[in-house]
Amino acid sequence: MCNKIAEVDENLFDSIENGMGKPDDWNEEEDGEYEVPEIYQYYIISQGGADYLKRVSKEIVLYSELLDCYVWGITHFGTSWDWVETEIKN
């Protein structure tokens, strides 16, 4: 877990514009930018994990150039992991 990463890397959300983890149901604003859902937790993940999430889900995956690492943005809060639904099949 790395919940302070957005404070450390102010450009963290720039990678969303490259199409990484941008779900179809995000609200596109008039200027072409997207309203990012609130992220409650950040986890550093491997490149393989990032590639997998981007390939099989609509999870938010970011890349920090400053820290040279991939980050998974979690948008649910207070929900037990066994109740969290994803598009990922077993």
Protein backbone atom coordinates (compact mmCIF):
# COMPACT_ATOMS: atom_id res chain seq x y z
CA MET A 1 0.00 0.00 0.00
CA CYS A 2 1.29 3.47 -0.86
CA ASN A 3 -1.48 5.92 -0.03
CA LYS A 4 0.80 9.00 -0.13
CA ILE A 5 1.92 8.41 -3.73
CA ALA A 6 -0.42 11.03 -5.17
CA GLU A 7 1.26 13.60 -2.92
CA VAL A 8 4.76 12.42 -3.85
CA ASP A 9 4.14 12.25 -7.62
CA GLU A 10 1.93 15.15 -8.70
CA ASN A 11 1.93 13.83 -12.29
CA LEU A 12 0.62 10.38 -11.36
CA PHE A 13 -2.74 10.90 -13.06
CA ASP A 14 -1.16 11.94 -16.38
CA SER A 15 -0.88 8.25 -17.30
CA ILE A 16 -4.67 7.95 -17.40
CA GLU A 17 -4.66 10.11 -20.51
CA ASN A 18 -2.60 7.42 -22.25
CA GLY A 19 -5.63 5.13 -22.00
CA MET A 20 -4.44 3.16 -18.98
CA GLY A 21 -7.38 2.00 -16.92
CA LYS A 22 -9.89 4.45 -18.36
CA PRO A 23 -13.32 2.77 -17.95
CA ASP A 24 -16.01 3.35 -20.57
CA ASP A 25 -18.39 4.84 -18.00
CA TRP A 26 -16.13 7.68 -16.84
CA ASN A 27 -17.63 11.10 -17.42
CA GLU A 28 -15.88 12.95 -20.22
CA GLU A 29 -15.87 16.68 -19.64
CA GLU A 30 -16.16 19.39 -22.32
CA ASP A 31 -12.39 19.85 -22.54
CA GLY A 32 -11.83 16.16 -23.30
CA GLU A 33 -10.55 15.43 -19.80
CA TYR A 34 -12.09 12.72 -17.65
CA GLU A 35 -13.51 13.01 -14.17
CA VAL A 36 -11.45 10.49 -12.20
CA PRO A 37 -13.40 8.50 -9.59
CA GLU A 38 -12.24 9.02 -6.03
CA ILE A 39 -9.38 6.68 -5.18
CA TYR A 40 -9.23 5.57 -1.56
CA GLN A 41 -6.15 3.34 -1.63
CA TYR A 42 -3.11 2.96 -3.85
CA TYR A 43 -1.11 -0.26 -4.26
CA ILE A 44 2.21 -0.63 -6.04
CA ILE A 45 1.99 -3.53 -8.48
CA SER A 46 4.36 -5.19 -10.93
CA GLN A 47 4.36 -4.47 -14.65
CA GLY A 48 2.90 -7.94 -15.21
CA GLY A 49 0.10 -7.17 -12.75
CA ALA A 50 -0.56 -3.84 -14.47
CA ASP A 51 -0.65 -5.47 -17.90
CA TYR A 52 -3.03 -8.13 -16.61
CA LEU A 53 -5.42 -5.62 -15.00
CA LYS A 54 -5.45 -3.47 -18.13
CA ARG A 55 -6.10 -6.49 -20.33
CA VAL A 56 -8.92 -8.15 -18.35
CA SER A 57 -10.57 -5.38 -16.33
CA LYS A 58 -11.47 -1.72 -16.12
CA GLU A 59 -9.49 -1.22 -12.93
CA ILE A 60 -7.55 2.02 -12.58
CA VAL A 61 -3.90 1.42 -13.36
CA LEU A 62 -1.48 4.33 -13.19
CA TYR A 63 2.23 4.65 -13.86
CA SER A 64 4.55 6.85 -11.82
CA GLU A 65 7.46 8.00 -13.97
CA LEU A 66 9.01 9.63 -10.91
CA LEU A 67 9.13 6.35 -8.97
CA ASP A 68 9.20 4.03 -12.03
CA CYS A 69 6.36 1.85 -10.77
CA TYR A 70 2.79 0.88 -11.58
CA VAL A 71 -0.02 1.70 -9.17
CA TRP A 72 -3.48 0.15 -8.79
CA GLY A 73 -6.10 2.71 -7.70
CA ILE A 74 -8.81 1.25 -5.47
CA THR A 75 -12.16 3.05 -5.66
CA HIS A 76 -14.10 1.22 -2.96
CA PHE A 77 -13.91 2.02 0.72
CA GLY A 78 -14.91 -0.04 3.72
CA THR A 79 -15.88 -3.06 1.66
CA SER A 80 -14.41 -6.44 2.49
CA TRP A 81 -12.36 -7.75 -0.44
CA ASP A 82 -14.54 -10.85 -0.66
CA TRP A 83 -17.52 -8.61 -1.51
CA VAL A 84 -15.74 -6.62 -4.23
CA GLU A 85 -16.88 -7.44 -7.75
CA THR A 86 -14.56 -7.20 -10.75
CA GLU A 87 -14.65 -8.32 -14.37
CA ILE A 88 -11.77 -10.72 -13.68
CA LYS A 89 -12.74 -14.35 -14.05
CA ASN A 90 -11.07 -17.09 -12.00
